[in-house]
């Protein structure tokens, strides 16, 4: 048996014995008020929990919007950069290409000269080695073939 129900039944039986006051009805009203308070407290707790969840959701949404705003700003900067590049006129592009071509031609001439020097030096080294080692190699090969 439930102790709470037993206590309520005992209290109601005791209150019925009081002849002048409508004690039993007053007790029933008191119990309904207590239950109403508990229900209101429960609703308040549910509302507080819902507010906490809403606050968390709002902070997550704010963070997401902040990140998206940063990405949008970066994309706008890139758009401006490419937009400015697309506004270059034909004459400006031609001048830019000519400038780059001149730089490449200067470096190509320098590279050709360096390559020529390297080939000359390598040829001289091979020529000198050929002169120095021609007699010993000829003697070695002549001895092996005979």
Protein backbone atom coordinates (compact mmCIF):
# COMPACT_ATOMS: atom_id res chain seq x y z
CA UNK A 1 0.00 0.00 0.00
CA UNK A 2 1.14 3.53 -0.76
CA UNK A 3 2.07 5.47 2.39
CA UNK A 4 1.00 8.77 0.92
CA UNK A 5 -2.48 7.48 0.08
CA UNK A 6 -2.71 5.87 3.53
CA UNK A 7 -1.74 9.14 5.25
CA UNK A 8 -4.29 11.08 3.16
CA UNK A 9 -7.04 8.63 4.02
CA UNK A 10 -6.12 8.81 7.71
CA UNK A 11 -6.12 12.62 7.69
CA UNK A 12 -9.49 12.73 5.90
CA UNK A 13 -11.01 10.32 8.41
CA UNK A 14 -9.74 12.46 11.29
CA UNK A 15 -11.05 15.66 9.68
CA UNK A 16 -14.55 14.15 9.21
CA UNK A 17 -14.79 13.93 12.97
CA UNK A 18 -14.51 17.70 13.34
CA UNK A 19 -18.17 18.77 13.45
CA UNK A 20 -18.15 22.56 12.93
CA UNK A 21 -15.63 23.14 10.14
CA UNK A 22 -15.85 21.69 6.65
CA UNK A 23 -12.34 20.35 7.28
CA UNK A 24 -12.50 17.53 4.76
CA UNK A 25 -13.30 19.96 1.92
CA UNK A 26 -10.59 22.37 3.12
CA UNK A 27 -8.08 19.49 3.10
CA UNK A 28 -9.12 18.55 -0.45
CA UNK A 29 -8.64 22.19 -1.54
CA UNK A 30 -5.23 22.27 0.18
CA UNK A 31 -4.16 19.08 -1.62
CA UNK A 32 -5.31 20.43 -5.00
CA UNK A 33 -3.38 23.65 -4.38
CA UNK A 34 -0.23 21.64 -3.55
CA UNK A 35 -0.65 19.57 -6.72
CA UNK A 36 -1.19 22.75 -8.70
CA UNK A 37 2.03 24.19 -7.26
CA UNK A 38 3.92 21.02 -8.20
CA UNK A 39 2.51 21.20 -11.73
CA UNK A 40 3.46 24.87 -12.04
CA UNK A 41 6.96 24.10 -10.72
CA UNK A 42 7.27 21.31 -13.28
CA UNK A 43 6.18 23.65 -16.07
CA UNK A 44 8.66 26.28 -14.91
CA UNK A 45 11.47 23.70 -14.92
CA UNK A 46 10.48 22.62 -18.44
CA UNK A 47 10.44 26.26 -19.56
CA UNK A 48 13.93 26.84 -18.05
CA UNK A 49 15.24 23.73 -19.81
CA UNK A 50 13.73 24.86 -23.10
CA UNK A 51 15.33 28.30 -22.65
CA UNK A 52 18.73 26.68 -22.02
CA UNK A 53 18.39 24.60 -25.20
CA UNK A 54 17.30 27.67 -27.15
CA UNK A 55 20.26 29.66 -25.83
CA UNK A 56 22.67 26.90 -26.87
CA UNK A 57 21.09 26.71 -30.31
CA UNK A 58 21.34 30.48 -30.73
CA UNK A 59 25.03 30.47 -29.79
CA UNK A 60 25.71 27.66 -32.30
CA UNK A 61 23.84 29.59 -34.99
CA UNK A 62 25.80 32.73 -34.15
CA UNK A 63 29.10 30.86 -34.48
CA UNK A 64 28.00 29.37 -37.81
CA UNK A 65 26.96 32.78 -39.12
CA UNK A 66 30.29 34.29 -38.01
CA UNK A 67 32.22 31.60 -39.91
CA UNK A 68 30.07 32.06 -42.99
CA UNK A 69 30.55 35.83 -42.83
CA UNK A 70 34.33 35.38 -42.75
CA UNK A 71 34.18 33.04 -45.75
CA UNK A 72 31.94 35.47 -47.61
CA UNK A 73 34.38 38.31 -46.91
CA UNK A 74 37.28 36.24 -48.26
CA UNK A 75 35.29 35.39 -51.38
CA UNK A 76 34.42 39.06 -51.91
CA UNK A 77 38.12 39.98 -51.67
CA UNK A 78 39.00 37.32 -54.25
CA UNK A 79 36.19 38.54 -56.50
CA UNK A 80 37.51 42.11 -56.34
CA UNK A 81 41.03 40.91 -57.16
CA UNK A 82 39.92 38.89 -60.18
CA UNK A 83 37.52 41.61 -61.24
CA UNK A 84 40.38 44.12 -61.30
CA UNK A 85 42.50 41.67 -63.25
CA UNK A 86 39.74 41.22 -65.81
CA UNK A 87 39.61 44.98 -66.36
CA UNK A 88 43.11 45.05 -67.86
CA UNK A 89 42.94 46.42 -71.37
CA UNK A 90 44.46 44.74 -74.40
CA UNK A 91 47.29 47.29 -74.50
CA UNK A 92 48.10 46.76 -70.83
CA UNK A 93 48.11 42.98 -71.29
CA UNK A 94 50.35 43.32 -74.35
CA UNK A 95 52.78 45.54 -72.45
CA UNK A 96 52.82 43.09 -69.54
CA UNK A 97 53.51 40.14 -71.85
CA UNK A 98 56.27 42.06 -73.64
CA UNK A 99 57.89 42.88 -70.31
CA UNK A 100 57.77 39.25 -69.24
CA UNK A 101 59.10 38.16 -72.66
CA UNK A 102 62.05 40.59 -72.40
CA UNK A 103 62.96 39.20 -68.98
CA UNK A 104 62.78 35.65 -70.31
CA UNK A 105 64.92 36.54 -73.34
CA UNK A 106 67.56 38.13 -71.11
CA UNK A 107 67.74 35.04 -68.96
CA UNK A 108 67.79 32.80 -72.08
CA UNK A 109 70.82 34.67 -73.46
CA UNK A 110 72.59 34.33 -70.14
CA UNK A 111 71.73 30.61 -69.96
CA UNK A 112 73.02 30.05 -73.51
CA UNK A 113 76.30 31.76 -72.66
CA UNK A 114 76.71 29.71 -69.44
CA UNK A 115 75.90 26.49 -71.35
CA UNK A 116 78.45 27.39 -74.03
CA UNK A 117 81.14 27.96 -71.37
CA UNK A 118 80.32 24.68 -69.64
CA UNK A 119 80.54 22.77 -72.93
CA UNK A 120 83.86 24.42 -73.86
CA UNK A 121 85.36 23.63 -70.45
CA UNK A 122 84.09 20.03 -70.60
CA UNK A 123 85.52 19.66 -74.12
CA UNK A 124 88.91 21.02 -73.03
CA UNK A 125 88.97 18.63 -70.04
CA UNK A 126 88.14 15.63 -72.27
CA UNK A 127 90.75 16.75 -74.83
CA UNK A 128 93.45 17.05 -72.16
CA UNK A 129 92.51 13.70 -70.64
CA UNK A 130 92.61 12.14 -74.09
CA UNK A 131 96.14 13.47 -74.67
CA UNK A 132 97.35 12.39 -71.23
CA UNK A 133 95.87 8.91 -71.27
CA UNK A 134 96.14 8.11 -75.00
CA UNK A 135 99.62 6.53 -74.82
CA UNK A 136 98.90 4.30 -71.75
CA UNK A 137 95.55 3.16 -73.15
CA UNK A 138 97.12 2.39 -76.54
CA UNK A 139 99.90 0.34 -74.87
CA UNK A 140 97.37 -1.51 -72.70
CA UNK A 141 95.06 -2.34 -75.60
CA UNK A 142 98.00 -3.21 -77.87
CA UNK A 143 99.31 -5.67 -75.29
CA UNK A 144 95.91 -7.30 -74.84
CA UNK A 145 95.22 -7.67 -78.56
CA UNK A 146 98.60 -9.10 -79.49
